[in-house]
N, C-alpha and C. Protein backbone atom coordinates (compact mmCIF):
# COMPACT_ATOMS: atom_id res chain seq x y z
N UNK A 1 0.88 -1.27 0.05
CA UNK A 1 -0.11 0.06 0.16
C UNK A 1 0.96 1.14 0.15
N UNK A 2 0.57 2.19 -0.60
CA UNK A 2 0.95 3.59 -0.56
C UNK A 2 0.40 4.48 -0.21
N UNK A 3 0.45 5.14 0.91
CA UNK A 3 -0.38 6.01 1.46
C UNK A 3 0.12 7.56 1.01
N UNK A 4 -0.78 8.59 0.88
CA UNK A 4 -0.44 9.83 0.56
C UNK A 4 -0.54 10.86 1.71
N UNK A 5 -0.63 10.11 2.85
CA UNK A 5 -0.49 11.16 4.05
C UNK A 5 0.91 11.19 4.41
N UNK A 6 1.39 12.20 5.01
CA UNK A 6 2.86 12.42 5.38
C UNK A 6 3.25 11.49 6.57
N UNK A 7 4.21 11.01 6.54
CA UNK A 7 4.79 10.13 7.63
C UNK A 7 6.15 10.56 8.17
N UNK A 8 6.09 11.16 9.58
CA UNK A 8 7.34 11.58 10.23
C UNK A 8 8.12 10.28 10.78
N UNK A 9 9.11 10.27 10.58
CA UNK A 9 10.09 9.09 11.11
C UNK A 9 11.24 9.60 11.76
N UNK A 10 11.32 9.32 12.96
CA UNK A 10 12.50 9.78 13.99
C UNK A 10 12.88 8.54 14.77
N UNK A 11 14.24 8.75 15.32
CA UNK A 11 14.84 7.62 16.23
C UNK A 11 14.33 8.17 17.63
N UNK A 12 13.97 7.14 18.41
CA UNK A 12 13.52 7.33 20.03
C UNK A 12 14.57 6.75 20.84
N UNK A 13 15.40 7.37 21.47
CA UNK A 13 16.25 6.56 22.50
C UNK A 13 15.47 5.96 23.67
N UNK A 14 14.49 6.61 23.85
CA UNK A 14 13.87 5.93 25.06
C UNK A 14 13.16 4.66 24.50
N UNK A 15 12.61 4.73 23.47
CA UNK A 15 12.08 3.15 23.03
C UNK A 15 12.96 2.46 22.48
N UNK A 16 14.22 2.73 21.75
CA UNK A 16 15.09 2.10 21.20
C UNK A 16 14.73 1.65 19.96
N UNK A 17 13.94 2.42 19.10
CA UNK A 17 13.21 2.26 18.06
C UNK A 17 13.05 3.24 17.25
N UNK A 18 12.84 3.30 15.92
CA UNK A 18 12.40 4.25 15.00
C UNK A 18 10.89 4.60 15.11
N UNK A 19 10.49 5.79 15.33
CA UNK A 19 8.82 5.97 15.47
C UNK A 19 8.31 6.68 14.09
N UNK A 20 7.15 6.09 13.91
CA UNK A 20 6.93 6.72 12.40
C UNK A 20 5.33 7.41 13.01
N UNK A 21 5.24 8.65 12.65
CA UNK A 21 4.01 9.32 13.02
C UNK A 21 3.28 10.00 11.93
N UNK A 22 1.79 9.71 11.91
CA UNK A 22 1.13 10.31 10.96
C UNK A 22 0.16 11.41 11.18
N UNK A 23 0.67 12.67 11.30
CA UNK A 23 0.12 13.78 11.74
C UNK A 23 -1.37 14.05 11.62
N UNK A 24 -1.66 13.77 10.36
CA UNK A 24 -3.25 14.05 9.93
C UNK A 24 -4.08 13.16 10.55
N UNK A 25 -3.68 11.70 11.06
CA UNK A 25 -4.52 10.76 11.40
C UNK A 25 -4.27 10.86 12.86
N UNK A 26 -5.39 11.29 13.81
CA UNK A 26 -5.11 11.37 15.18
C UNK A 26 -4.62 10.04 15.67
N UNK A 27 -3.55 9.94 16.71
CA UNK A 27 -3.26 8.70 17.43
C UNK A 27 -2.68 7.39 16.44
N UNK A 28 -2.12 8.14 15.12
CA UNK A 28 -1.98 6.79 14.09
C UNK A 28 -0.34 7.15 14.13
N UNK A 29 0.30 5.78 14.66
CA UNK A 29 1.77 5.88 14.71
C UNK A 29 2.19 4.36 14.84
N UNK A 30 3.36 4.00 14.47
CA UNK A 30 4.23 3.07 14.39
C UNK A 30 5.49 2.79 14.89
N UNK A 31 6.15 1.73 15.03
CA UNK A 31 7.49 1.85 15.27
C UNK A 31 8.20 0.56 14.55
N UNK A 32 9.31 0.44 14.90
CA UNK A 32 10.12 -0.46 14.13
C UNK A 32 11.80 -0.55 14.38
N UNK A 33 12.58 -1.52 14.42
CA UNK A 33 13.88 -1.69 14.76
C UNK A 33 14.56 -1.00 13.77
N UNK A 34 14.13 -0.52 12.52
CA UNK A 34 14.74 0.23 11.56
C UNK A 34 13.90 0.90 10.81
N UNK A 35 14.39 2.15 10.33
CA UNK A 35 13.59 3.17 9.54
C UNK A 35 12.70 2.37 8.69
N UNK A 36 13.21 1.58 7.81
CA UNK A 36 12.15 0.84 6.84
C UNK A 36 11.06 0.04 7.49
N UNK A 37 11.49 -0.60 8.57
CA UNK A 37 10.43 -1.17 9.14
C UNK A 37 9.49 -0.29 9.99
N UNK A 38 9.72 0.71 10.56
CA UNK A 38 8.92 1.66 10.80
C UNK A 38 8.00 2.33 9.64
N UNK A 39 8.64 2.44 8.59
CA UNK A 39 7.78 2.94 7.49
C UNK A 39 6.96 1.92 7.06
N UNK A 40 7.31 0.69 6.97
CA UNK A 40 6.41 -0.55 6.35
C UNK A 40 5.19 -0.56 7.57
N UNK A 41 5.61 -0.60 8.77
CA UNK A 41 4.59 -0.70 9.77
C UNK A 41 3.62 0.54 9.74
N UNK A 42 3.99 1.63 9.51
CA UNK A 42 3.04 2.78 9.40
C UNK A 42 2.09 2.69 8.28
N UNK A 43 2.61 2.13 7.20
CA UNK A 43 1.55 2.10 6.13
C UNK A 43 0.69 0.91 6.28
N UNK A 44 0.97 -0.23 7.10
CA UNK A 44 0.16 -1.02 7.73
C UNK A 44 -1.05 -0.49 8.56
N UNK A 45 -0.55 0.29 9.44
CA UNK A 45 -1.19 1.11 10.40
C UNK A 45 -2.31 2.12 9.80
N UNK A 46 -1.61 2.74 8.79
CA UNK A 46 -2.59 3.71 8.33
C UNK A 46 -3.80 3.08 7.47
N UNK A 47 -3.63 2.02 6.92
CA UNK A 47 -4.71 1.14 6.40
C UNK A 47 -5.85 0.59 7.39
N UNK A 48 -5.19 0.27 8.74
CA UNK A 48 -6.24 -0.29 9.56
C UNK A 48 -6.78 0.97 10.31
N UNK A 49 -6.29 2.10 10.40
CA UNK A 49 -6.88 3.49 10.76
C UNK A 49 -7.76 3.58 9.88
N UNK A 50 -7.84 3.75 8.49
CA UNK A 50 -8.82 4.30 7.67
C UNK A 50 -9.71 3.26 7.49
N UNK A 51 -9.86 2.18 7.82
CA UNK A 51 -10.68 0.78 7.76
C UNK A 51 -11.61 1.24 9.07
N UNK A 52 -10.90 1.34 10.34
CA UNK A 52 -11.64 1.63 11.45
C UNK A 52 -12.54 2.61 11.43
N UNK A 53 -11.82 3.81 10.85
CA UNK A 53 -12.91 5.15 10.53
C UNK A 53 -14.10 4.71 9.89
N UNK A 54 -13.99 3.99 8.83
CA UNK A 54 -14.87 3.69 7.98
C UNK A 54 -16.09 3.04 8.50
N UNK A 55 -15.38 1.83 9.23
CA UNK A 55 -16.47 1.04 10.11
C UNK A 55 -17.36 1.81 10.96
N UNK A 56 -16.61 2.86 11.72
CA UNK A 56 -17.61 3.48 12.74
C UNK A 56 -18.13 4.90 12.09
N UNK A 57 -17.92 4.80 10.84
CA UNK A 57 -18.60 6.28 10.29
C UNK A 57 -18.08 7.31 10.29
N UNK A 58 -16.91 7.35 11.12
CA UNK A 58 -16.01 8.85 11.04
C UNK A 58 -15.44 9.37 10.01
N UNK A 59 -15.36 10.68 10.07
CA UNK A 59 -14.71 11.44 8.63
C UNK A 59 -13.23 11.00 8.75
N UNK A 60 -13.02 10.93 7.49
CA UNK A 60 -11.52 10.50 7.07
C UNK A 60 -10.89 11.89 6.50
N UNK A 61 -10.02 12.17 7.18
CA UNK A 61 -9.01 13.54 6.38
C UNK A 61 -8.36 13.07 5.13
N UNK A 62 -8.77 14.39 4.31
CA UNK A 62 -7.92 14.21 2.83
C UNK A 62 -6.66 14.38 3.02
N UNK A 63 -5.95 13.53 2.66
CA UNK A 63 -4.28 13.82 2.54
C UNK A 63 -3.94 15.34 2.18
N UNK A 64 -3.26 16.05 2.93
CA UNK A 64 -3.09 17.24 2.33
C UNK A 64 -1.28 17.60 1.89
N UNK A 65 -0.73 16.19 1.77
CA UNK A 65 0.58 16.18 1.27
C UNK A 65 1.57 16.77 2.32
N UNK A 66 2.64 17.55 2.08
CA UNK A 66 3.47 17.88 3.10
C UNK A 66 2.96 18.92 4.03
N UNK A 67 3.15 18.77 5.47
CA UNK A 67 2.65 19.88 6.35
C UNK A 67 3.83 20.61 6.61
N UNK A 68 3.52 21.84 6.93
CA UNK A 68 4.35 23.00 7.45
C UNK A 68 4.16 23.19 8.60
N UNK A 69 5.40 23.30 9.66
CA UNK A 69 5.06 23.47 11.08
C UNK A 69 6.20 24.58 11.40
N UNK A 70 5.71 25.35 12.07
CA UNK A 70 6.48 26.42 12.73
C UNK A 70 7.41 26.36 13.83
């Protein structure tokens, strides 16, 4: 699966893992022992997040692409 949602990946020394966050989907995040594993896991979680939102009749955000932070 290829997502159009922005995924932010960073190293967490506290977790001893790479963390992948999807800012546009509240609570959507994954981890992995490698950068690639975190990305792959995030893609799976995005799919599950979207499926759950559809099942519950919740609004699904339209992907905005690259987000800008101050």
